[in-house]
Amino acid sequence: EVRRYERKTELVCEDRPFAFPDDVQEGDALIAFLTGRSTARALADLLLSQRLNYPQPLYYALMNLTASHDVARTRSALALNFDPRSRSRAQLAALDVTDARGAQLQPLAAAVQFWLPGIPSIYYGDEAGMQGLCDPFNRAPLQMCDTQMLQWYAKLSALRHAHPALQRGEIAVFAPAGDVVC
């Protein structure tokens, strides 16, 4: 099967044209996959597209984000079965987000974030299990909610630091089933 990766925005890097492969960022794709709103194939396609389309210096400088001030915090996004950006502020304010699903999925999301090429970029408080939906609900002062999660992020950081392959290695991604990424 041959797949085409269409160019949307071009710039020049290392004297050659460069195309941003997609409007979807890997954090969005990872959250959508882990919450069952997307397939393993869609995530694998995005990761392959990045590897094929980004010049190597930019590929290894990608910011691996799962959250930022523009979107829901990682744990909150993982707790939902819908994209919170599809709801109004009033609807988001009325939501009671239960933590169990987000707490269960966040360690896996963090592991992927640290093991992909690029730079694991953590939105303040995500490493401590903070919750918050889209702006302004995701901008609370830093709180240490989950010390086990903080230890998990520290462990992932130490592993990445200790193994050069996790810093500058290459990946091969495939999706043998709708809910499996290898």
Protein backbone atom coordinates (compact mmCIF):
# COMPACT_ATOMS: atom_id res chain seq x y z
CA GLU A 1 0.00 0.00 0.00
CA VAL A 2 1.32 3.39 -0.98
CA ARG A 3 0.32 6.44 1.03
CA ARG A 4 0.84 10.01 0.00
CA TYR A 5 1.74 12.65 2.53
CA GLU A 6 0.51 15.95 1.19
CA ARG A 7 2.39 19.18 1.72
CA LYS A 8 0.51 22.01 3.36
CA THR A 9 3.07 24.65 4.40
CA GLU A 10 6.55 24.98 2.98
CA LEU A 11 9.73 26.60 4.18
CA VAL A 12 13.40 26.11 3.33
CA CYS A 13 15.73 24.17 5.61
CA GLU A 14 19.24 23.13 4.64
CA ASP A 15 18.67 24.68 1.18
CA ARG A 16 15.73 22.43 0.36
CA PRO A 17 11.96 22.86 0.62
CA PHE A 18 10.38 21.48 3.73
CA ALA A 19 6.69 20.70 4.26
CA PHE A 20 4.84 20.51 7.53
CA PRO A 21 3.11 17.14 7.07
CA ASP A 22 -0.22 17.77 8.73
CA ASP A 23 -2.31 20.19 10.76
CA VAL A 24 -2.65 17.58 13.52
CA GLN A 25 0.11 17.59 16.10
CA GLU A 26 1.42 14.35 17.58
CA GLY A 27 0.08 15.19 21.06
CA ASP A 28 -3.44 15.50 19.64
CA ALA A 29 -3.00 12.26 17.70
CA LEU A 30 -1.64 10.41 20.74
CA ILE A 31 -4.49 11.61 23.00
CA ALA A 32 -7.07 10.73 20.32
CA PHE A 33 -5.59 7.22 19.96
CA LEU A 34 -5.35 6.54 23.70
CA THR A 35 -8.95 7.68 24.26
CA GLY A 36 -10.30 5.56 21.39
CA ARG A 37 -11.23 8.53 19.19
CA SER A 38 -8.69 7.55 16.54
CA THR A 39 -6.95 4.45 15.26
CA ALA A 40 -3.47 3.11 15.66
CA ARG A 41 -3.04 3.54 11.91
CA ALA A 42 -3.76 7.27 12.12
CA LEU A 43 -1.12 7.70 14.86
CA ALA A 44 1.40 5.55 12.99
CA ASP A 45 0.75 7.50 9.78
CA LEU A 46 1.37 10.83 11.53
CA LEU A 47 4.60 9.59 13.12
CA LEU A 48 5.80 8.17 9.80
CA SER A 49 4.86 11.37 8.01
CA GLN A 50 6.95 13.38 10.45
CA ARG A 51 9.93 11.10 9.94
CA LEU A 52 9.62 11.23 6.14
CA ASN A 53 8.86 14.92 5.73
CA TYR A 54 10.84 16.74 8.37
CA PRO A 55 14.53 17.45 7.73
CA GLN A 56 16.58 15.61 10.34
CA PRO A 57 17.60 18.71 12.36
CA LEU A 58 13.96 19.72 12.72
CA TYR A 59 12.76 16.16 13.30
CA TYR A 60 14.99 15.81 16.35
CA ALA A 61 13.93 19.26 17.58
CA LEU A 62 10.18 18.57 17.50
CA MET A 63 8.48 19.45 20.76
CA ASN A 64 6.69 16.34 21.98
CA LEU A 65 3.70 17.99 23.65
CA THR A 66 0.63 16.29 25.03
CA ALA A 67 -0.70 19.52 26.57
CA SER A 68 -0.13 23.28 26.62
CA HIS A 69 -1.87 26.46 27.66
CA ASP A 70 -3.92 26.19 24.43
CA VAL A 71 -5.45 22.75 25.07
CA ALA A 72 -6.66 20.59 27.96
CA ARG A 73 -4.09 19.20 30.37
CA THR A 74 -2.93 15.69 29.56
CA ARG A 75 -4.74 13.94 32.42
CA SER A 76 -8.02 15.78 31.75
CA ALA A 77 -7.88 15.14 27.99
CA LEU A 78 -7.25 11.44 28.63
CA ALA A 79 -10.22 11.25 31.02
CA LEU A 80 -12.68 12.33 28.31
CA ASN A 81 -14.10 10.49 25.31
CA PHE A 82 -14.40 13.70 23.27
CA ASP A 83 -12.16 16.60 22.27
CA PRO A 84 -12.78 19.35 24.86
CA ARG A 85 -12.18 22.00 22.18
CA SER A 86 -15.53 20.92 20.71
CA ARG A 87 -17.38 22.33 23.76
CA SER A 88 -18.09 25.85 24.92
CA ARG A 89 -16.54 27.36 28.06
CA ALA A 90 -19.89 27.09 29.81
CA GLN A 91 -20.12 23.39 28.95
CA LEU A 92 -16.54 22.80 30.12
CA ALA A 93 -17.16 24.66 33.39
CA ALA A 94 -20.13 22.39 34.10
CA LEU A 95 -18.20 19.15 33.50
CA ASP A 96 -17.17 16.93 36.38
CA VAL A 97 -14.08 15.16 35.06
CA THR A 98 -13.34 11.92 36.89
CA ASP A 99 -9.66 11.23 37.28
CA ALA A 100 -9.48 7.41 37.10
CA ARG A 101 -9.19 6.99 33.31
CA GLY A 102 -6.79 9.93 32.95
CA ALA A 103 -4.64 8.64 35.80
CA GLN A 104 -4.51 5.20 34.20
CA LEU A 105 -3.56 6.44 30.71
CA GLN A 106 -1.17 9.27 31.59
CA PRO A 107 1.87 7.04 32.32
CA LEU A 108 1.55 5.49 28.86
CA ALA A 109 1.16 8.90 27.19
CA ALA A 110 4.25 10.15 29.05
CA ALA A 111 6.29 7.09 28.02
CA VAL A 112 5.45 7.66 24.36
CA GLN A 113 6.26 11.34 24.76
CA PHE A 114 9.73 10.53 26.14
CA TRP A 115 10.50 7.73 23.67
CA LEU A 116 9.68 9.53 20.44
CA PRO A 117 12.38 11.46 18.60
CA GLY A 118 12.26 15.13 19.53
CA ILE A 119 12.12 16.94 22.84
CA PRO A 120 9.69 15.81 25.55
CA SER A 121 8.00 19.08 26.51
CA ILE A 122 5.91 19.02 29.67
CA TYR A 123 3.27 21.66 30.39
CA TYR A 124 3.84 22.75 33.98
CA GLY A 125 1.92 20.59 36.42
CA ASP A 126 1.27 17.69 34.04
CA GLU A 127 4.14 15.83 35.68
CA ALA A 128 2.29 16.22 38.99
CA GLY A 129 -1.08 15.05 37.68
CA MET A 130 -2.78 18.45 37.54
CA GLN A 131 -6.14 18.63 35.78
CA GLY A 132 -7.79 21.35 33.74
CA LEU A 133 -9.73 21.56 30.53
CA CYS A 134 -9.16 24.22 27.87
CA ASP A 135 -8.15 27.79 28.65
CA PRO A 136 -8.74 29.26 31.22
CA PHE A 137 -9.37 26.05 33.20
CA ASN A 138 -5.85 24.71 32.53
CA ARG A 139 -3.97 27.67 34.03
CA ALA A 140 -4.24 27.02 37.77
CA PRO A 141 -1.21 27.58 40.02
CA LEU A 142 1.14 24.61 40.26
CA GLN A 143 -0.16 21.90 42.60
CA MET A 144 1.51 18.63 43.54
CA CYS A 145 -1.48 16.31 43.10
CA ASP A 146 0.15 12.96 42.31
CA THR A 147 3.65 12.24 43.63
CA GLN A 148 3.72 8.83 41.91
CA MET A 149 3.24 10.58 38.54
CA LEU A 150 6.03 13.01 39.41
CA GLN A 151 8.31 10.03 40.15
CA TRP A 152 7.27 8.39 36.83
CA TYR A 153 8.27 11.50 34.86
CA ALA A 154 11.58 11.63 36.74
CA LYS A 155 12.20 7.96 35.89
CA LEU A 156 11.39 8.55 32.19
CA SER A 157 13.70 11.55 32.13
CA ALA A 158 16.53 9.52 33.70
CA LEU A 159 16.02 6.68 31.19
CA ARG A 160 16.10 9.10 28.25
CA HIS A 161 19.23 10.76 29.62
CA ALA A 162 20.97 7.39 30.14
CA HIS A 163 20.25 5.99 26.66
CA PRO A 164 21.45 7.92 23.59
CA ALA A 165 19.10 5.88 21.38
CA LEU A 166 16.17 7.57 23.16
CA GLN A 167 17.71 10.97 22.43
CA ARG A 168 18.86 10.66 18.80
CA GLY A 169 17.78 7.19 17.70
CA GLU A 170 15.46 6.32 14.86
CA ILE A 171 12.04 4.74 15.13
CA ALA A 172 10.01 2.41 13.00
CA VAL A 173 6.26 2.59 13.55
CA PHE A 174 3.53 0.30 12.30
CA ALA A 175 -0.02 -0.54 13.28
CA PRO A 176 -0.83 -4.25 12.98
CA ALA A 177 -4.35 -3.72 14.40
CA GLY A 178 -6.74 -0.84 15.00
CA ASP A 179 -5.73 -0.50 18.63
CA VAL A 180 -2.05 -1.57 18.50
CA VAL A 181 0.95 0.61 17.61
CA CYS A 182 4.41 -0.94 17.48
